[in-house]
Amino acid sequence: TAIFLRGGETGAAISADVLVLQDAGASGSQPRLRAPVNAKGNEESFLPVEARFVRFTIEASSSGQPCLDELEIWSGETNVALGGKPTSSGDFPNNVSHKLVHLNDGHYGNGHSWISNTPGKGWAMIELKTPTAIDRITWARDREGKYSDRLATRYRIEVAKDAQGPWKTVASSEGRAPVG
């Protein structure tokens, strides 16, 4: 049996993901699912990969237009998303609390969040200042814990060195237990 465990070094609000792979030869054994997504925080760990662009694509949400309060991109212990250029598929209109600039402004909570303009889906992307080796992404719906609606439940996170690609998936909702 192989065990992978990565705890939330960035604070208690980030949930730890545990994936236990059982021996392929074990009769009737199934891999255990990772923890379901959590509105207060999620961590996606992967082998280091060089990236200039990081895109979070939401394919389904728990309700309404999906919301992200902060998208953090880690190179070791440095959040390289700070100062990056955010873009999106479309932004929730006419609301001072839910702006694209809040995606990577270093502030947590619903009052500093991005909301897609499309029910159940959308994407947000951060262009880093320079190509950087990254190994982890943390994200949440509302780290303050006031809201749990609009949570991304089916998603993928992709990286590229160029905005035109090729894109490589480094994390996704695949293998997570269902929400609720």
C-alpha atoms as a PDB file:
ATOM      1  CA  THR A   1       0.000   0.000   0.000  1.00  0.00           C
ATOM      2  CA  ALA A   2       1.307   3.452  -0.936  1.00  0.00           C
ATOM      3  CA  ILE A   3       0.178   6.529   1.013  1.00  0.00           C
ATOM      4  CA  PHE A   4       0.376  10.178  -0.068  1.00  0.00           C
ATOM      5  CA  LEU A   5      -0.409  12.869   2.492  1.00  0.00           C
ATOM      6  CA  ARG A   6       0.039  16.611   2.156  1.00  0.00           C
ATOM      7  CA  GLY A   7      -1.141  18.746   5.055  1.00  0.00           C
ATOM      8  CA  GLY A   8      -2.284  22.353   4.889  1.00  0.00           C
ATOM      9  CA  GLU A   9       0.822  24.330   5.849  1.00  0.00           C
ATOM     10  CA  THR A  10      -0.991  27.574   5.039  1.00  0.00           C
ATOM     11  CA  GLY A  11      -3.451  27.263   7.918  1.00  0.00           C
ATOM     12  CA  ALA A  12      -6.120  25.126   9.522  1.00  0.00           C
ATOM     13  CA  ALA A  13      -8.734  26.206   6.976  1.00  0.00           C
ATOM     14  CA  ILE A  14      -6.969  24.236   4.239  1.00  0.00           C
ATOM     15  CA  SER A  15      -8.079  20.619   4.246  1.00  0.00           C
ATOM     16  CA  ALA A  16      -5.507  17.860   3.949  1.00  0.00           C
ATOM     17  CA  ASP A  17      -5.965  15.465   1.057  1.00  0.00           C
ATOM     18  CA  VAL A  18      -5.256  11.802   1.639  1.00  0.00           C
ATOM     19  CA  LEU A  19      -5.020   9.294  -1.148  1.00  0.00           C
ATOM     20  CA  VAL A  20      -4.406   5.646  -0.346  1.00  0.00           C
ATOM     21  CA  LEU A  21      -3.666   3.361  -3.270  1.00  0.00           C
ATOM     22  CA  GLN A  22      -4.128  -0.313  -2.563  1.00  0.00           C
ATOM     23  CA  ASP A  23      -2.122  -3.062  -4.229  1.00  0.00           C
ATOM     24  CA  ALA A  24      -3.476  -3.742  -7.712  1.00  0.00           C
ATOM     25  CA  GLY A  25      -3.400  -7.469  -6.990  1.00  0.00           C
ATOM     26  CA  ALA A  26      -5.554  -7.224  -3.877  1.00  0.00           C
ATOM     27  CA  SER A  27      -8.906  -8.865  -4.540  1.00  0.00           C
ATOM     28  CA  GLY A  28     -11.786  -6.402  -4.598  1.00  0.00           C
ATOM     29  CA  SER A  29      -9.720  -3.456  -3.370  1.00  0.00           C
ATOM     30  CA  GLN A  30     -10.605   0.032  -4.575  1.00  0.00           C
ATOM     31  CA  PRO A  31      -8.624   3.250  -4.189  1.00  0.00           C
ATOM     32  CA  ARG A  32      -9.989   5.516  -1.479  1.00  0.00           C
ATOM     33  CA  LEU A  33     -11.286   8.854  -2.616  1.00  0.00           C
ATOM     34  CA  ARG A  34      -9.716  12.152  -1.584  1.00  0.00           C
ATOM     35  CA  ALA A  35     -11.689  14.412   0.713  1.00  0.00           C
ATOM     36  CA  PRO A  36     -14.588  16.263  -0.943  1.00  0.00           C
ATOM     37  CA  VAL A  37     -14.003  19.885  -1.903  1.00  0.00           C
ATOM     38  CA  ASN A  38     -14.475  22.263   1.000  1.00  0.00           C
ATOM     39  CA  ALA A  39     -15.752  25.855   0.743  1.00  0.00           C
ATOM     40  CA  LYS A  40     -13.179  26.930   3.376  1.00  0.00           C
ATOM     41  CA  GLY A  41     -10.136  25.618   1.535  1.00  0.00           C
ATOM     42  CA  ASN A  42      -8.562  23.039  -0.733  1.00  0.00           C
ATOM     43  CA  GLU A  43      -5.012  22.104  -1.594  1.00  0.00           C
ATOM     44  CA  GLU A  44      -3.851  20.509  -4.827  1.00  0.00           C
ATOM     45  CA  SER A  45      -0.293  19.119  -4.698  1.00  0.00           C
ATOM     46  CA  PHE A  46       1.642  17.792  -7.673  1.00  0.00           C
ATOM     47  CA  LEU A  47       5.193  17.231  -8.873  1.00  0.00           C
ATOM     48  CA  PRO A  48       6.951  20.532  -9.692  1.00  0.00           C
ATOM     49  CA  VAL A  49       6.138  21.811 -13.167  1.00  0.00           C
ATOM     50  CA  GLU A  50       7.313  24.915 -15.031  1.00  0.00           C
ATOM     51  CA  ALA A  51       4.403  27.302 -15.758  1.00  0.00           C
ATOM     52  CA  ARG A  52       3.704  30.864 -16.789  1.00  0.00           C
ATOM     53  CA  PHE A  53      -0.081  30.421 -17.066  1.00  0.00           C
ATOM     54  CA  VAL A  54      -2.350  28.647 -14.565  1.00  0.00           C
ATOM     55  CA  ARG A  55      -5.997  28.126 -15.510  1.00  0.00           C
ATOM     56  CA  PHE A  56      -8.736  26.941 -13.115  1.00  0.00           C
ATOM     57  CA  THR A  57     -11.683  25.660 -15.170  1.00  0.00           C
ATOM     58  CA  ILE A  58     -14.945  25.018 -13.343  1.00  0.00           C
ATOM     59  CA  GLU A  59     -17.205  22.488 -15.058  1.00  0.00           C
ATOM     60  CA  ALA A  60     -19.894  22.354 -12.336  1.00  0.00           C
ATOM     61  CA  SER A  61     -20.715  24.135  -9.079  1.00  0.00           C
ATOM     62  CA  SER A  62     -22.961  23.420  -6.112  1.00  0.00           C
ATOM     63  CA  SER A  63     -25.229  26.341  -7.104  1.00  0.00           C
ATOM     64  CA  GLY A  64     -25.351  29.477  -9.211  1.00  0.00           C
ATOM     65  CA  GLN A  65     -22.289  31.106 -10.693  1.00  0.00           C
ATOM     66  CA  PRO A  66     -19.117  29.622  -9.151  1.00  0.00           C
ATOM     67  CA  CYS A  67     -17.004  31.750  -6.804  1.00  0.00           C
ATOM     68  CA  LEU A  68     -13.301  31.727  -5.853  1.00  0.00           C
ATOM     69  CA  ASP A  69     -12.097  33.905  -2.968  1.00  0.00           C
ATOM     70  CA  GLU A  70      -8.375  33.483  -3.672  1.00  0.00           C
ATOM     71  CA  LEU A  71      -6.339  31.373  -6.060  1.00  0.00           C
ATOM     72  CA  GLU A  72      -2.851  30.801  -4.650  1.00  0.00           C
ATOM     73  CA  ILE A  73      -0.058  29.298  -6.750  1.00  0.00           C
ATOM     74  CA  TRP A  74       2.913  28.008  -4.789  1.00  0.00           C
ATOM     75  CA  SER A  75       6.558  27.649  -5.640  1.00  0.00           C
ATOM     76  CA  GLY A  76       7.922  26.154  -2.421  1.00  0.00           C
ATOM     77  CA  GLU A  77       6.720  28.540   0.295  1.00  0.00           C
ATOM     78  CA  THR A  78       6.127  31.541  -2.010  1.00  0.00           C
ATOM     79  CA  ASN A  79       2.696  32.432  -3.403  1.00  0.00           C
ATOM     80  CA  VAL A  80       3.719  33.447  -6.934  1.00  0.00           C
ATOM     81  CA  ALA A  81       0.123  34.326  -7.904  1.00  0.00           C
ATOM     82  CA  LEU A  82       0.486  37.660  -6.070  1.00  0.00           C
ATOM     83  CA  GLY A  83       1.232  40.292  -8.693  1.00  0.00           C
ATOM     84  CA  GLY A  84       0.210  37.996 -11.556  1.00  0.00           C
ATOM     85  CA  LYS A  85      -2.258  39.106 -14.222  1.00  0.00           C
ATOM     86  CA  PRO A  86      -5.762  37.565 -13.836  1.00  0.00           C
ATOM     87  CA  THR A  87      -8.155  36.958 -16.735  1.00  0.00           C
ATOM     88  CA  SER A  88     -11.414  35.015 -16.910  1.00  0.00           C
ATOM     89  CA  SER A  89     -14.193  33.640 -19.073  1.00  0.00           C
ATOM     90  CA  GLY A  90     -16.444  36.406 -17.732  1.00  0.00           C
ATOM     91  CA  ASP A  91     -17.093  38.242 -14.490  1.00  0.00           C
ATOM     92  CA  PHE A  92     -20.228  38.678 -12.353  1.00  0.00           C
ATOM     93  CA  PRO A  93     -21.526  42.114 -13.396  1.00  0.00           C
ATOM     94  CA  ASN A  94     -22.038  45.261 -11.323  1.00  0.00           C
ATOM     95  CA  ASN A  95     -20.812  44.100  -7.915  1.00  0.00           C
ATOM     96  CA  VAL A  96     -17.923  45.729  -6.013  1.00  0.00           C
ATOM     97  CA  SER A  97     -17.239  42.635  -3.885  1.00  0.00           C
ATOM     98  CA  HIS A  98     -16.886  40.145  -6.729  1.00  0.00           C
ATOM     99  CA  LYS A  99     -14.214  41.406  -9.108  1.00  0.00           C
ATOM    100  CA  LEU A 100     -11.519  39.654 -11.103  1.00  0.00           C
ATOM    101  CA  VAL A 101      -8.793  41.664  -9.313  1.00  0.00           C
ATOM    102  CA  HIS A 102      -9.770  39.873  -6.076  1.00  0.00           C
ATOM    103  CA  LEU A 103      -8.728  36.483  -7.513  1.00  0.00           C
ATOM    104  CA  ASN A 104      -5.096  36.986  -6.469  1.00  0.00           C
ATOM    105  CA  ASP A 105      -5.048  40.089  -4.257  1.00  0.00           C
ATOM    106  CA  GLY A 106      -3.950  38.276  -1.091  1.00  0.00           C
ATOM    107  CA  HIS A 107      -7.262  38.853   0.743  1.00  0.00           C
ATOM    108  CA  TYR A 108      -9.632  36.077   1.806  1.00  0.00           C
ATOM    109  CA  GLY A 109     -13.396  35.904   2.074  1.00  0.00           C
ATOM    110  CA  ASN A 110     -16.524  36.539   0.059  1.00  0.00           C
ATOM    111  CA  GLY A 111     -15.945  40.311   0.087  1.00  0.00           C
ATOM    112  CA  HIS A 112     -12.740  39.801  -1.927  1.00  0.00           C
ATOM    113  CA  SER A 113     -13.813  37.157  -4.426  1.00  0.00           C
ATOM    114  CA  TRP A 114     -14.296  36.482  -8.125  1.00  0.00           C
ATOM    115  CA  ILE A 115     -17.602  35.112  -9.418  1.00  0.00           C
ATOM    116  CA  SER A 116     -18.123  33.793 -12.931  1.00  0.00           C
ATOM    117  CA  ASN A 117     -20.896  35.314 -15.028  1.00  0.00           C
ATOM    118  CA  THR A 118     -22.116  31.858 -16.123  1.00  0.00           C
ATOM    119  CA  PRO A 119     -24.203  29.517 -13.917  1.00  0.00           C
ATOM    120  CA  GLY A 120     -22.288  26.352 -13.002  1.00  0.00           C
ATOM    121  CA  LYS A 121     -19.123  27.037 -14.953  1.00  0.00           C
ATOM    122  CA  GLY A 122     -16.368  29.412 -16.000  1.00  0.00           C
ATOM    123  CA  TRP A 123     -12.612  29.730 -15.869  1.00  0.00           C
ATOM    124  CA  ALA A 124     -10.095  32.032 -14.250  1.00  0.00           C
ATOM    125  CA  MET A 125      -6.454  32.246 -15.256  1.00  0.00           C
ATOM    126  CA  ILE A 126      -3.383  33.868 -13.756  1.00  0.00           C
ATOM    127  CA  GLU A 127      -0.397  34.822 -15.866  1.00  0.00           C
ATOM    128  CA  LEU A 128       2.701  34.716 -13.683  1.00  0.00           C
ATOM    129  CA  LYS A 129       5.374  37.397 -14.056  1.00  0.00           C
ATOM    130  CA  THR A 130       7.918  34.836 -15.275  1.00  0.00           C
ATOM    131  CA  PRO A 131       7.910  31.079 -15.934  1.00  0.00           C
ATOM    132  CA  THR A 132       8.178  29.432 -12.523  1.00  0.00           C
ATOM    133  CA  ALA A 133       8.386  25.902 -11.135  1.00  0.00           C
ATOM    134  CA  ILE A 134       5.174  25.413  -9.123  1.00  0.00           C
ATOM    135  CA  ASP A 135       4.133  22.440  -6.981  1.00  0.00           C
ATOM    136  CA  ARG A 136       0.880  23.327  -5.240  1.00  0.00           C
ATOM    137  CA  ILE A 137      -2.326  25.329  -5.627  1.00  0.00           C
ATOM    138  CA  THR A 138      -4.661  26.363  -2.827  1.00  0.00           C
ATOM    139  CA  TRP A 139      -8.150  27.682  -3.425  1.00  0.00           C
ATOM    140  CA  ALA A 140     -11.462  28.226  -1.656  1.00  0.00           C
ATOM    141  CA  ARG A 141     -14.979  29.529  -2.046  1.00  0.00           C
ATOM    142  CA  ASP A 142     -14.901  31.528   1.228  1.00  0.00           C
ATOM    143  CA  ARG A 143     -12.061  30.969   3.718  1.00  0.00           C
ATOM    144  CA  GLU A 144     -13.921  33.001   6.316  1.00  0.00           C
ATOM    145  CA  GLY A 145     -16.544  30.233   6.384  1.00  0.00           C
ATOM    146  CA  LYS A 146     -19.602  32.451   5.964  1.00  0.00           C
ATOM    147  CA  TYR A 147     -20.728  31.033   2.603  1.00  0.00           C
ATOM    148  CA  SER A 148     -20.681  27.529   1.143  1.00  0.00           C
ATOM    149  CA  ASP A 149     -22.837  28.033  -1.965  1.00  0.00           C
ATOM    150  CA  ARG A 150     -21.303  28.566  -5.443  1.00  0.00           C
ATOM    151  CA  LEU A 151     -18.617  25.962  -4.669  1.00  0.00           C
ATOM    152  CA  ALA A 152     -16.682  24.464  -7.599  1.00  0.00           C
ATOM    153  CA  THR A 153     -17.492  20.739  -7.442  1.00  0.00           C
ATOM    154  CA  ARG A 154     -16.117  19.576 -10.797  1.00  0.00           C
ATOM    155  CA  TYR A 155     -12.963  21.314 -12.030  1.00  0.00           C
ATOM    156  CA  ARG A 156      -9.529  20.969 -13.551  1.00  0.00           C
ATOM    157  CA  ILE A 157      -6.363  22.992 -13.093  1.00  0.00           C
ATOM    158  CA  GLU A 158      -4.057  23.300 -16.074  1.00  0.00           C
ATOM    159  CA  VAL A 159      -0.681  24.925 -16.647  1.00  0.00           C
ATOM    160  CA  ALA A 160       1.176  26.123 -19.732  1.00  0.00           C
ATOM    161  CA  LYS A 161       4.314  28.040 -20.611  1.00  0.00           C
ATOM    162  CA  ASP A 162       2.416  29.945 -23.319  1.00  0.00           C
ATOM    163  CA  ALA A 163      -1.214  31.183 -23.346  1.00  0.00           C
ATOM    164  CA  GLN A 164      -1.840  29.175 -26.536  1.00  0.00           C
ATOM    165  CA  GLY A 165      -0.674  25.953 -24.871  1.00  0.00           C
ATOM    166  CA  PRO A 166      -0.065  23.162 -24.898  1.00  0.00           C
ATOM    167  CA  TRP A 167      -1.957  22.850 -21.606  1.00  0.00           C
ATOM    168  CA  LYS A 168      -1.161  20.184 -19.026  1.00  0.00           C
ATOM    169  CA  THR A 169      -3.661  19.144 -16.329  1.00  0.00           C
ATOM    170  CA  VAL A 170      -1.932  19.091 -12.925  1.00  0.00           C
ATOM    171  CA  ALA A 171      -5.002  18.651 -10.689  1.00  0.00           C
ATOM    172  CA  SER A 172      -8.728  18.032 -10.929  1.00  0.00           C
ATOM    173  CA  SER A 173     -11.795  16.990  -8.996  1.00  0.00           C
ATOM    174  CA  GLU A 174     -11.385  13.452 -10.309  1.00  0.00           C
ATOM    175  CA  GLY A 175     -10.918  11.035  -7.437  1.00  0.00           C
ATOM    176  CA  ARG A 176     -12.618  13.270  -4.850  1.00  0.00           C
ATOM    177  CA  ALA A 177     -15.548  12.111  -2.758  1.00  0.00           C
ATOM    178  CA  PRO A 178     -18.816  13.883  -3.616  1.00  0.00           C
ATOM    179  CA  VAL A 179     -19.761  17.025  -1.698  1.00  0.00           C
ATOM    180  CA  GLY A 180     -22.333  16.330   1.009  1.00  0.00           C
END
